[in-house]
Amino acid sequence: SGSASPRRVFRKMIRDMIESDHLPDYRMVEEEGDLIRFTRRAQVIDEG
């Protein structure tokens, strides 16, 4: 990401994004092992 925030602050910002759940196209979920999982909400327009 290039964020200059400490990891604990960055993790809190990511959790806030997960809670608000307004990222276009993708849903974020926090998983065990300090992992973040991204899944598509619907089909994303690709080049084709």
All heavy atoms as atom14 arrays in JSON, in Angstrom:
{
  "sequence": "SGSASPRRVFRKMIRDMIESDHLPDYRMVEEEGDLIRFTRRAQVIDEG",
  "atom14_mask": [
    [1, 1, 1, 1, 1, 1, 0, 0, 0, 0, 0, 0, 0, 0],
    [1, 1, 1, 1, 0, 0, 0, 0, 0, 0, 0, 0, 0, 0],
    [1, 1, 1, 1, 1, 1, 0, 0, 0, 0, 0, 0, 0, 0],
    [1, 1, 1, 1, 1, 0, 0, 0, 0, 0, 0, 0, 0, 0],
    [1, 1, 1, 1, 1, 1, 0, 0, 0, 0, 0, 0, 0, 0],
    [1, 1, 1, 1, 1, 1, 1, 0, 0, 0, 0, 0, 0, 0],
    [1, 1, 1, 1, 1, 1, 1, 1, 1, 1, 1, 0, 0, 0],
    [1, 1, 1, 1, 1, 1, 1, 1, 1, 1, 1, 0, 0, 0],
    [1, 1, 1, 1, 1, 1, 1, 0, 0, 0, 0, 0, 0, 0],
    [1, 1, 1, 1, 1, 1, 1, 1, 1, 1, 1, 0, 0, 0],
    [1, 1, 1, 1, 1, 1, 1, 1, 1, 1, 1, 0, 0, 0],
    [1, 1, 1, 1, 1, 1, 1, 1, 1, 0, 0, 0, 0, 0],
    [1, 1, 1, 1, 1, 1, 1, 1, 0, 0, 0, 0, 0, 0],
    [1, 1, 1, 1, 1, 1, 1, 1, 0, 0, 0, 0, 0, 0],
    [1, 1, 1, 1, 1, 1, 1, 1, 1, 1, 1, 0, 0, 0],
    [1, 1, 1, 1, 1, 1, 1, 1, 0, 0, 0, 0, 0, 0],
    [1, 1, 1, 1, 1, 1, 1, 1, 0, 0, 0, 0, 0, 0],
    [1, 1, 1, 1, 1, 1, 1, 1, 0, 0, 0, 0, 0, 0],
    [1, 1, 1, 1, 1, 1, 1, 1, 1, 0, 0, 0, 0, 0],
    [1, 1, 1, 1, 1, 1, 0, 0, 0, 0, 0, 0, 0, 0],
    [1, 1, 1, 1, 1, 1, 1, 1, 0, 0, 0, 0, 0, 0],
    [1, 1, 1, 1, 1, 1, 1, 1, 1, 1, 0, 0, 0, 0],
    [1, 1, 1, 1, 1, 1, 1, 1, 0, 0, 0, 0, 0, 0],
    [1, 1, 1, 1, 1, 1, 1, 0, 0, 0, 0, 0, 0, 0],
    [1, 1, 1, 1, 1, 1, 1, 1, 0, 0, 0, 0, 0, 0],
    [1, 1, 1, 1, 1, 1, 1, 1, 1, 1, 1, 1, 0, 0],
    [1, 1, 1, 1, 1, 1, 1, 1, 1, 1, 1, 0, 0, 0],
    [1, 1, 1, 1, 1, 1, 1, 1, 0, 0, 0, 0, 0, 0],
    [1, 1, 1, 1, 1, 1, 1, 0, 0, 0, 0, 0, 0, 0],
    [1, 1, 1, 1, 1, 1, 1, 1, 1, 0, 0, 0, 0, 0],
    [1, 1, 1, 1, 1, 1, 1, 1, 1, 0, 0, 0, 0, 0],
    [1, 1, 1, 1, 1, 1, 1, 1, 1, 0, 0, 0, 0, 0],
    [1, 1, 1, 1, 0, 0, 0, 0, 0, 0, 0, 0, 0, 0],
    [1, 1, 1, 1, 1, 1, 1, 1, 0, 0, 0, 0, 0, 0],
    [1, 1, 1, 1, 1, 1, 1, 1, 0, 0, 0, 0, 0, 0],
    [1, 1, 1, 1, 1, 1, 1, 1, 0, 0, 0, 0, 0, 0],
    [1, 1, 1, 1, 1, 1, 1, 1, 1, 1, 1, 0, 0, 0],
    [1, 1, 1, 1, 1, 1, 1, 1, 1, 1, 1, 0, 0, 0],
    [1, 1, 1, 1, 1, 1, 1, 0, 0, 0, 0, 0, 0, 0],
    [1, 1, 1, 1, 1, 1, 1, 1, 1, 1, 1, 0, 0, 0],
    [1, 1, 1, 1, 1, 1, 1, 1, 1, 1, 1, 0, 0, 0],
    [1, 1, 1, 1, 1, 0, 0, 0, 0, 0, 0, 0, 0, 0],
    [1, 1, 1, 1, 1, 1, 1, 1, 1, 0, 0, 0, 0, 0],
    [1, 1, 1, 1, 1, 1, 1, 0, 0, 0, 0, 0, 0, 0],
    [1, 1, 1, 1, 1, 1, 1, 1, 0, 0, 0, 0, 0, 0],
    [1, 1, 1, 1, 1, 1, 1, 1, 0, 0, 0, 0, 0, 0],
    [1, 1, 1, 1, 1, 1, 1, 1, 1, 0, 0, 0, 0, 0],
    [1, 1, 1, 1, 0, 0, 0, 0, 0, 0, 0, 0, 0, 0]
  ],
  "atom14_positions": [
    [[0.81, -1.22, 0.0], [0.0, 0.0, 0.0], [0.85, 1.27, 0.0], [0.41, 2.31, -0.48], [-0.94, 0.02, 1.22], [-0.21, 0.26, 2.41], [0.0, 0.0, 0.0], [0.0, 0.0, 0.0], [0.0, 0.0, 0.0], [0.0, 0.0, 0.0], [0.0, 0.0, 0.0], [0.0, 0.0, 0.0], [0.0, 0.0, 0.0], [0.0, 0.0, 0.0]],
    [[2.05, 1.17, 0.58], [2.88, 2.36, 0.7], [2.5, 3.22, 1.88], [2.98, 4.36, 2.02], [0.0, 0.0, 0.0], [0.0, 0.0, 0.0], [0.0, 0.0, 0.0], [0.0, 0.0, 0.0], [0.0, 0.0, 0.0], [0.0, 0.0, 0.0], [0.0, 0.0, 0.0], [0.0, 0.0, 0.0], [0.0, 0.0, 0.0], [0.0, 0.0, 0.0]],
    [[1.64, 2.72, 2.76], [1.23, 3.48, 3.93], [2.4, 3.66, 4.89], [3.2, 2.74, 5.09], [0.07, 2.77, 4.64], [-0.22, 3.4, 5.87], [0.0, 0.0, 0.0], [0.0, 0.0, 0.0], [0.0, 0.0, 0.0], [0.0, 0.0, 0.0], [0.0, 0.0, 0.0], [0.0, 0.0, 0.0], [0.0, 0.0, 0.0], [0.0, 0.0, 0.0]],
    [[2.49, 4.85, 5.5], [3.53, 5.13, 6.47], [3.07, 4.84, 7.9], [3.83, 5.06, 8.85], [3.97, 6.6, 6.36], [0.0, 0.0, 0.0], [0.0, 0.0, 0.0], [0.0, 0.0, 0.0], [0.0, 0.0, 0.0], [0.0, 0.0, 0.0], [0.0, 0.0, 0.0], [0.0, 0.0, 0.0], [0.0, 0.0, 0.0], [0.0, 0.0, 0.0]],
    [[1.87, 4.32, 8.06], [1.33, 4.04, 9.39], [1.95, 2.79, 9.99], [2.3, 1.85, 9.27], [-0.19, 3.85, 9.31], [-0.83, 4.99, 8.81], [0.0, 0.0, 0.0], [0.0, 0.0, 0.0], [0.0, 0.0, 0.0], [0.0, 0.0, 0.0], [0.0, 0.0, 0.0], [0.0, 0.0, 0.0], [0.0, 0.0, 0.0], [0.0, 0.0, 0.0]],
    [[2.1, 2.74, 11.33], [2.54, 1.51, 12.0], [1.54, 0.38, 11.72], [0.36, 0.65, 11.43], [2.56, 1.88, 13.48], [2.62, 3.37, 13.51], [1.9, 3.84, 12.29], [0.0, 0.0, 0.0], [0.0, 0.0, 0.0], [0.0, 0.0, 0.0], [0.0, 0.0, 0.0], [0.0, 0.0, 0.0], [0.0, 0.0, 0.0], [0.0, 0.0, 0.0]],
    [[2.01, -0.86, 11.85], [1.15, -1.98, 11.49], [-0.14, -2.01, 12.29], [-1.22, -2.28, 11.74], [1.89, -3.3, 11.68], [1.12, -4.5, 11.11], [1.76, -5.83, 11.46], [3.15, -5.88, 11.03], [3.93, -6.94, 11.21], [3.45, -8.02, 11.82], [5.17, -6.92, 10.8], [0.0, 0.0, 0.0], [0.0, 0.0, 0.0], [0.0, 0.0, 0.0]],
    [[-0.08, -1.7, 13.58], [-1.3, -1.75, 14.41], [-2.31, -0.69, 13.96], [-3.52, -0.94, 13.96], [-0.95, -1.57, 15.88], [-0.27, -0.27, 16.23], [0.01, -0.13, 17.72], [0.66, 1.12, 18.04], [0.01, 2.28, 18.15], [-1.3, 2.29, 18.0], [0.67, 3.4, 18.42], [0.0, 0.0, 0.0], [0.0, 0.0, 0.0], [0.0, 0.0, 0.0]],
    [[-1.82, 0.48, 13.57], [-2.71, 1.54, 13.08], [-3.27, 1.15, 11.72], [-4.47, 1.32, 11.44], [-1.96, 2.88, 13.0], [-2.87, 3.96, 12.39], [-1.47, 3.31, 14.37], [0.0, 0.0, 0.0], [0.0, 0.0, 0.0], [0.0, 0.0, 0.0], [0.0, 0.0, 0.0], [0.0, 0.0, 0.0], [0.0, 0.0, 0.0], [0.0, 0.0, 0.0]],
    [[-2.43, 0.59, 10.86], [-2.86, 0.14, 9.54], [-3.92, -0.94, 9.68], [-4.95, -0.91, 8.97], [-1.66, -0.38, 8.76], [-2.0, -0.9, 7.39], [-2.2, -0.03, 6.33], [-2.11, -2.27, 7.16], [-2.5, -0.51, 5.06], [-2.41, -2.75, 5.9], [-2.61, -1.87, 4.85], [0.0, 0.0, 0.0], [0.0, 0.0, 0.0], [0.0, 0.0, 0.0]],
    [[-3.71, -1.89, 10.59], [-4.68, -2.96, 10.79], [-6.03, -2.38, 11.22], [-7.09, -2.84, 10.78], [-4.16, -3.95, 11.84], [-5.08, -5.16, 12.02], [-4.6, -6.07, 13.14], [-3.34, -6.74, 12.79], [-2.16, -6.44, 13.35], [-2.1, -5.46, 14.25], [-1.08, -7.09, 13.0], [0.0, 0.0, 0.0], [0.0, 0.0, 0.0], [0.0, 0.0, 0.0]],
    [[-6.01, -1.37, 12.09], [-7.25, -0.73, 12.53], [-7.96, -0.06, 11.35], [-9.19, -0.15, 11.22], [-6.94, 0.33, 13.61], [-8.12, 1.19, 14.04], [-9.22, 0.36, 14.66], [-10.26, 1.22, 15.37], [-10.94, 2.18, 14.47], [0.0, 0.0, 0.0], [0.0, 0.0, 0.0], [0.0, 0.0, 0.0], [0.0, 0.0, 0.0], [0.0, 0.0, 0.0]],
    [[-7.22, 0.59, 10.47], [-7.84, 1.23, 9.31], [-8.46, 0.19, 8.38], [-9.53, 0.41, 7.8], [-6.8, 2.07, 8.57], [-6.36, 3.31, 9.35], [-5.35, 4.47, 8.39], [-3.83, 3.53, 8.2], [0.0, 0.0, 0.0], [0.0, 0.0, 0.0], [0.0, 0.0, 0.0], [0.0, 0.0, 0.0], [0.0, 0.0, 0.0], [0.0, 0.0, 0.0]],
    [[-7.78, -0.95, 8.22], [-8.33, -2.03, 7.4], [-9.6, -2.58, 8.02], [-10.6, -2.84, 7.33], [-7.28, -3.16, 7.22], [-6.1, -2.66, 6.38], [-7.91, -4.38, 6.56], [-6.47, -2.23, 4.97], [0.0, 0.0, 0.0], [0.0, 0.0, 0.0], [0.0, 0.0, 0.0], [0.0, 0.0, 0.0], [0.0, 0.0, 0.0], [0.0, 0.0, 0.0]],
    [[-9.61, -2.74, 9.34], [-10.83, -3.22, 10.02], [-11.98, -2.23, 9.87], [-13.14, -2.63, 9.74], [-10.52, -3.48, 11.49], [-9.7, -4.74, 11.72], [-9.28, -4.91, 13.16], [-8.6, -6.19, 13.36], [-7.98, -6.53, 14.48], [-7.94, -5.68, 15.52], [-7.4, -7.72, 14.59], [0.0, 0.0, 0.0], [0.0, 0.0, 0.0], [0.0, 0.0, 0.0]],
    [[-11.66, -0.95, 9.88], [-12.71, 0.06, 9.65], [-13.28, -0.07, 8.24], [-14.49, 0.09, 8.03], [-12.13, 1.47, 9.84], [-11.83, 1.78, 11.3], [-12.35, 1.07, 12.18], [-11.08, 2.75, 11.55], [0.0, 0.0, 0.0], [0.0, 0.0, 0.0], [0.0, 0.0, 0.0], [0.0, 0.0, 0.0], [0.0, 0.0, 0.0], [0.0, 0.0, 0.0]],
    [[-12.42, -0.37, 7.27], [-12.89, -0.56, 5.89], [-13.77, -1.8, 5.79], [-14.78, -1.82, 5.07], [-11.71, -0.67, 4.94], [-10.93, 0.63, 4.76], [-9.49, 0.44, 3.66], [-10.31, -0.02, 2.13], [0.0, 0.0, 0.0], [0.0, 0.0, 0.0], [0.0, 0.0, 0.0], [0.0, 0.0, 0.0], [0.0, 0.0, 0.0], [0.0, 0.0, 0.0]],
    [[-13.39, -2.85, 6.51], [-14.19, -4.08, 6.52], [-15.57, -3.8, 7.1], [-16.6, -4.26, 6.59], [-13.47, -5.19, 7.31], [-12.21, -5.64, 6.57], [-14.41, -6.37, 7.56], [-11.34, -6.6, 7.35], [0.0, 0.0, 0.0], [0.0, 0.0, 0.0], [0.0, 0.0, 0.0], [0.0, 0.0, 0.0], [0.0, 0.0, 0.0], [0.0, 0.0, 0.0]],
    [[-15.61, -3.01, 8.17], [-16.89, -2.71, 8.83], [-17.79, -1.85, 7.96], [-18.99, -2.09, 7.85], [-16.63, -2.01, 10.16], [-17.9, -1.73, 10.95], [-17.63, -1.1, 12.3], [-16.44, -0.87, 12.62], [-18.6, -0.81, 13.02], [0.0, 0.0, 0.0], [0.0, 0.0, 0.0], [0.0, 0.0, 0.0], [0.0, 0.0, 0.0], [0.0, 0.0, 0.0]],
    [[-17.22, -0.84, 7.31], [-18.04, 0.04, 6.46], [-18.46, -0.66, 5.17], [-19.54, -0.39, 4.64], [-17.28, 1.32, 6.13], [-16.12, 1.05, 5.36], [0.0, 0.0, 0.0], [0.0, 0.0, 0.0], [0.0, 0.0, 0.0], [0.0, 0.0, 0.0], [0.0, 0.0, 0.0], [0.0, 0.0, 0.0], [0.0, 0.0, 0.0], [0.0, 0.0, 0.0]],
    [[-17.6, -1.55, 4.65], [-17.92, -2.39, 3.51], [-18.43, -1.6, 2.3], [-19.46, -1.92, 1.71], [-18.97, -3.44, 3.92], [-19.12, -4.55, 2.88], [-18.14, -4.83, 2.17], [-20.23, -5.11, 2.78], [0.0, 0.0, 0.0], [0.0, 0.0, 0.0], [0.0, 0.0, 0.0], [0.0, 0.0, 0.0], [0.0, 0.0, 0.0], [0.0, 0.0, 0.0]],
    [[-17.71, -0.56, 1.93], [-18.15, 0.24, 0.79], [-17.13, 0.24, -0.34], [-17.24, 1.04, -1.27], [-18.42, 1.69, 1.23], [-17.2, 2.4, 1.76], [-16.91, 2.48, 3.1], [-16.19, 3.05, 1.12], [-15.78, 3.15, 3.27], [-15.32, 3.5, 2.1], [0.0, 0.0, 0.0], [0.0, 0.0, 0.0], [0.0, 0.0, 0.0], [0.0, 0.0, 0.0]],
    [[-16.15, -0.66, -0.29], [-15.16, -0.72, -1.37], [-15.84, -1.18, -2.66], [-16.52, -2.21, -2.67], [-14.05, -1.69, -0.99], [-12.73, -1.58, -1.77], [-12.02, -0.29, -1.4], [-11.83, -2.78, -1.46], [0.0, 0.0, 0.0], [0.0, 0.0, 0.0], [0.0, 0.0, 0.0], [0.0, 0.0, 0.0], [0.0, 0.0, 0.0], [0.0, 0.0, 0.0]],
    [[-15.71, -0.44, -3.75], [-16.35, -0.86, -5.01], [-15.84, -2.23, -5.46], [-14.65, -2.54, -5.34], [-15.94, 0.23, -6.0], [-15.58, 1.41, -5.17], [-15.0, 0.85, -3.91], [0.0, 0.0, 0.0], [0.0, 0.0, 0.0], [0.0, 0.0, 0.0], [0.0, 0.0, 0.0], [0.0, 0.0, 0.0], [0.0, 0.0, 0.0], [0.0, 0.0, 0.0]],
    [[-16.73, -3.05, -5.97], [-16.42, -4.33, -6.62], [-16.0, -5.45, -5.67], [-16.18, -6.62, -5.99], [-15.31, -4.18, -7.67], [-15.68, -3.26, -8.82], [-16.89, -3.09, -9.07], [-14.77, -2.7, -9.46], [0.0, 0.0, 0.0], [0.0, 0.0, 0.0], [0.0, 0.0, 0.0], [0.0, 0.0, 0.0], [0.0, 0.0, 0.0], [0.0, 0.0, 0.0]],
    [[-15.41, -5.13, -4.52], [-14.82, -6.16, -3.67], [-15.3, -6.06, -2.22], [-15.54, -4.97, -1.7], [-13.29, -6.07, -3.7], [-12.73, -6.21, -5.09], [-12.38, -5.09, -5.84], [-12.6, -7.47, -5.69], [-11.9, -5.21, -7.14], [-12.13, -7.59, -6.98], [-11.78, -6.47, -7.7], [-11.33, -6.59, -8.98], [0.0, 0.0, 0.0], [0.0, 0.0, 0.0]],
    [[-15.39, -7.24, -1.6], [-15.7, -7.32, -0.17], [-14.46, -7.81, 0.56], [-13.76, -8.71, 0.07], [-16.88, -8.27, 0.06], [-17.23, -8.47, 1.52], [-18.53, -9.23, 1.69], [-19.67, -8.39, 1.34], [-20.42, -8.54, 0.26], [-20.14, -9.51, -0.61], [-21.44, -7.75, 0.01], [0.0, 0.0, 0.0], [0.0, 0.0, 0.0], [0.0, 0.0, 0.0]],
    [[-14.19, -7.26, 1.71], [-13.02, -7.61, 2.5], [-13.45, -8.36, 3.77], [-14.44, -7.99, 4.4], [-12.24, -6.36, 2.9], [-11.75, -5.52, 1.75], [-11.18, -3.87, 2.26], [-9.85, -4.33, 3.4], [0.0, 0.0, 0.0], [0.0, 0.0, 0.0], [0.0, 0.0, 0.0], [0.0, 0.0, 0.0], [0.0, 0.0, 0.0], [0.0, 0.0, 0.0]],
    [[-12.69, -9.38, 4.12], [-12.95, -10.18, 5.33], [-11.62, -10.44, 6.02], [-10.62, -10.76, 5.36], [-13.65, -11.52, 4.98], [-13.82, -12.38, 6.22], [-15.01, -11.26, 4.34], [0.0, 0.0, 0.0], [0.0, 0.0, 0.0], [0.0, 0.0, 0.0], [0.0, 0.0, 0.0], [0.0, 0.0, 0.0], [0.0, 0.0, 0.0], [0.0, 0.0, 0.0]],
    [[-11.59, -10.29, 7.34], [-10.39, -10.63, 8.11], [-10.44, -12.08, 8.52], [-11.48, -12.57, 8.99], [-10.28, -9.74, 9.35], [-8.98, -9.96, 10.11], [-8.82, -9.02, 11.29], [-9.78, -8.3, 11.61], [-7.73, -9.04, 11.91], [0.0, 0.0, 0.0], [0.0, 0.0, 0.0], [0.0, 0.0, 0.0], [0.0, 0.0, 0.0], [0.0, 0.0, 0.0]],
    [[-9.33, -12.81, 8.34], [-9.27, -14.22, 8.67], [-8.16, -14.49, 9.68], [-7.3, -13.64, 9.92], [-9.04, -15.06, 7.4], [-10.17, -14.95, 6.39], [-10.01, -15.89, 5.21], [-8.86, -16.23, 4.88], [-11.02, -16.27, 4.62], [0.0, 0.0, 0.0], [0.0, 0.0, 0.0], [0.0, 0.0, 0.0], [0.0, 0.0, 0.0], [0.0, 0.0, 0.0]],
    [[-8.19, -15.7, 10.23], [-7.16, -16.11, 11.19], [-5.79, -16.06, 10.54], [-5.65, -16.28, 9.34], [-7.43, -17.54, 11.68], [-8.75, -17.71, 12.45], [-8.73, -17.02, 13.79], [-7.62, -16.69, 14.28], [-9.81, -16.79, 14.37], [0.0, 0.0, 0.0], [0.0, 0.0, 0.0], [0.0, 0.0, 0.0], [0.0, 0.0, 0.0], [0.0, 0.0, 0.0]],
    [[-4.78, -15.75, 11.34], [-3.41, -15.69, 10.84], [-3.05, -14.32, 10.31], [-2.11, -14.2, 9.53], [0.0, 0.0, 0.0], [0.0, 0.0, 0.0], [0.0, 0.0, 0.0], [0.0, 0.0, 0.0], [0.0, 0.0, 0.0], [0.0, 0.0, 0.0], [0.0, 0.0, 0.0], [0.0, 0.0, 0.0], [0.0, 0.0, 0.0], [0.0, 0.0, 0.0]],
    [[-3.82, -13.31, 10.71], [-3.55, -11.93, 10.29], [-3.63, -11.8, 8.78], [-2.79, -11.15, 8.13], [-2.18, -11.47, 10.8], [-2.14, -9.96, 11.07], [-3.21, -9.37, 11.26], [-1.03, -9.4, 11.09], [0.0, 0.0, 0.0], [0.0, 0.0, 0.0], [0.0, 0.0, 0.0], [0.0, 0.0, 0.0], [0.0, 0.0, 0.0], [0.0, 0.0, 0.0]],
    [[-4.66, -12.43, 8.19], [-4.87, -12.41, 6.74], [-6.11, -11.6, 6.39], [-7.05, -11.52, 7.18], [-5.03, -13.83, 6.2], [-3.84, -14.78, 6.33], [-4.23, -16.17, 5.85], [-2.65, -14.24, 5.53], [0.0, 0.0, 0.0], [0.0, 0.0, 0.0], [0.0, 0.0, 0.0], [0.0, 0.0, 0.0], [0.0, 0.0, 0.0], [0.0, 0.0, 0.0]],
    [[-6.09, -11.01, 5.21], [-7.25, -10.31, 4.67], [-7.64, -11.01, 3.38], [-6.8, -11.27, 2.52], [-6.96, -8.82, 4.38], [-6.45, -8.13, 5.65], [-8.21, -8.13, 3.85], [-7.44, -8.1, 6.79], [0.0, 0.0, 0.0], [0.0, 0.0, 0.0], [0.0, 0.0, 0.0], [0.0, 0.0, 0.0], [0.0, 0.0, 0.0], [0.0, 0.0, 0.0]],
    [[-8.92, -11.34, 3.26], [-9.42, -11.99, 2.06], [-10.32, -11.02, 1.29], [-11.23, -10.42, 1.86], [-10.2, -13.26, 2.4], [-10.84, -13.95, 1.2], [-11.29, -15.37, 1.54], [-12.23, -15.39, 2.64], [-13.56, -15.35, 2.49], [-14.08, -15.28, 1.29], [-14.35, -15.39, 3.55], [0.0, 0.0, 0.0], [0.0, 0.0, 0.0], [0.0, 0.0, 0.0]],
    [[-10.04, -10.9, -0.01], [-10.84, -10.07, -0.9], [-11.65, -10.99, -1.81], [-11.11, -11.92, -2.4], [-9.95, -9.17, -1.77], [-9.21, -8.11, -1.01], [-8.02, -8.4, -0.36], [-9.7, -6.81, -0.95], [-7.32, -7.43, 0.34], [-9.0, -5.83, -0.26], [-7.82, -6.13, 0.38], [0.0, 0.0, 0.0], [0.0, 0.0, 0.0], [0.0, 0.0, 0.0]],
    [[-12.94, -10.73, -1.93], [-13.79, -11.47, -2.87], [-14.57, -10.47, -3.72], [-14.86, -9.36, -3.28], [-14.79, -12.39, -2.14], [-15.56, -11.61, -1.22], [-14.04, -13.47, -1.38], [0.0, 0.0, 0.0], [0.0, 0.0, 0.0], [0.0, 0.0, 0.0], [0.0, 0.0, 0.0], [0.0, 0.0, 0.0], [0.0, 0.0, 0.0], [0.0, 0.0, 0.0]],
    [[-14.9, -10.88, -4.93], [-15.63, -10.0, -5.84], [-17.11, -9.96, -5.47], [-17.72, -10.98, -5.2], [-15.46, -10.47, -7.28], [-14.06, -10.3, -7.81], [-14.0, -10.64, -9.28], [-14.24, -12.07, -9.5], [-14.49, -12.6, -10.69], [-14.55, -11.83, -11.75], [-14.65, -13.89, -10.81], [0.0, 0.0, 0.0], [0.0, 0.0, 0.0], [0.0, 0.0, 0.0]],
    [[-17.67, -8.76, -5.5], [-19.11, -8.63, -5.26], [-19.9, -9.14, -6.47], [-20.92, -9.76, -6.35], [-19.48, -7.16, -5.01], [-18.82, -6.55, -3.79], [-19.34, -5.14, -3.57], [-18.6, -4.47, -2.52], [-18.84, -4.62, -1.21], [-19.81, -5.43, -0.82], [-18.12, -3.98, -0.31], [0.0, 0.0, 0.0], [0.0, 0.0, 0.0], [0.0, 0.0, 0.0]],
    [[-19.43, -8.8, -7.65], [-20.07, -9.21, -8.91], [-19.0, -9.22, -9.97], [-17.83, -8.94, -9.71], [-21.2, -8.24, -9.27], [0.0, 0.0, 0.0], [0.0, 0.0, 0.0], [0.0, 0.0, 0.0], [0.0, 0.0, 0.0], [0.0, 0.0, 0.0], [0.0, 0.0, 0.0], [0.0, 0.0, 0.0], [0.0, 0.0, 0.0], [0.0, 0.0, 0.0]],
    [[-19.38, -9.53, -11.17], [-18.43, -9.59, -12.27], [-17.8, -8.23, -12.5], [-18.49, -7.23, -12.68], [-19.11, -10.07, -13.55], [-18.17, -10.25, -14.72], [-17.16, -11.37, -14.5], [-17.47, -12.36, -13.87], [-15.96, -11.19, -15.0], [0.0, 0.0, 0.0], [0.0, 0.0, 0.0], [0.0, 0.0, 0.0], [0.0, 0.0, 0.0], [0.0, 0.0, 0.0]],
    [[-16.49, -8.15, -12.5], [-15.78, -6.92, -12.79], [-15.56, -6.82, -14.28], [-15.19, -7.8, -14.93], [-14.42, -6.88, -12.05], [-13.65, -5.6, -12.39], [-14.64, -6.97, -10.54], [0.0, 0.0, 0.0], [0.0, 0.0, 0.0], [0.0, 0.0, 0.0], [0.0, 0.0, 0.0], [0.0, 0.0, 0.0], [0.0, 0.0, 0.0], [0.0, 0.0, 0.0]],
    [[-15.78, -5.63, -14.84], [-15.56, -5.45, -16.28], [-14.09, -5.67, -16.59], [-13.23, -5.04, -16.0], [-15.95, -4.03, -16.72], [-17.43, -3.78, -16.42], [-15.67, -3.8, -18.2], [-17.86, -2.35, -16.66], [0.0, 0.0, 0.0], [0.0, 0.0, 0.0], [0.0, 0.0, 0.0], [0.0, 0.0, 0.0], [0.0, 0.0, 0.0], [0.0, 0.0, 0.0]],
    [[-13.81, -6.59, -17.49], [-12.42, -6.81, -17.88], [-12.25, -6.46, -19.34], [-13.18, -6.09, -20.02], [-12.01, -8.26, -17.6], [-10.57, -8.35, -17.13], [-9.75, -7.55, -17.61], [-10.27, -9.22, -16.3], [0.0, 0.0, 0.0], [0.0, 0.0, 0.0], [0.0, 0.0, 0.0], [0.0, 0.0, 0.0], [0.0, 0.0, 0.0], [0.0, 0.0, 0.0]],
    [[-11.04, -6.63, -19.8], [-10.74, -6.12, -21.13], [-11.52, -6.83, -22.23], [-12.29, -6.23, -22.91], [-9.23, -6.24, -21.39], [-8.39, -5.58, -20.33], [-8.88, -4.18, -19.99], [-9.03, -3.36, -20.92], [-9.12, -3.92, -18.82], [0.0, 0.0, 0.0], [0.0, 0.0, 0.0], [0.0, 0.0, 0.0], [0.0, 0.0, 0.0], [0.0, 0.0, 0.0]],
    [[-11.33, -8.15, -22.4], [-12.05, -8.87, -23.41], [-11.78, -8.32, -24.8], [-10.97, -7.42, -24.99], [0.0, 0.0, 0.0], [0.0, 0.0, 0.0], [0.0, 0.0, 0.0], [0.0, 0.0, 0.0], [0.0, 0.0, 0.0], [0.0, 0.0, 0.0], [0.0, 0.0, 0.0], [0.0, 0.0, 0.0], [0.0, 0.0, 0.0], [0.0, 0.0, 0.0]]
  ]
}
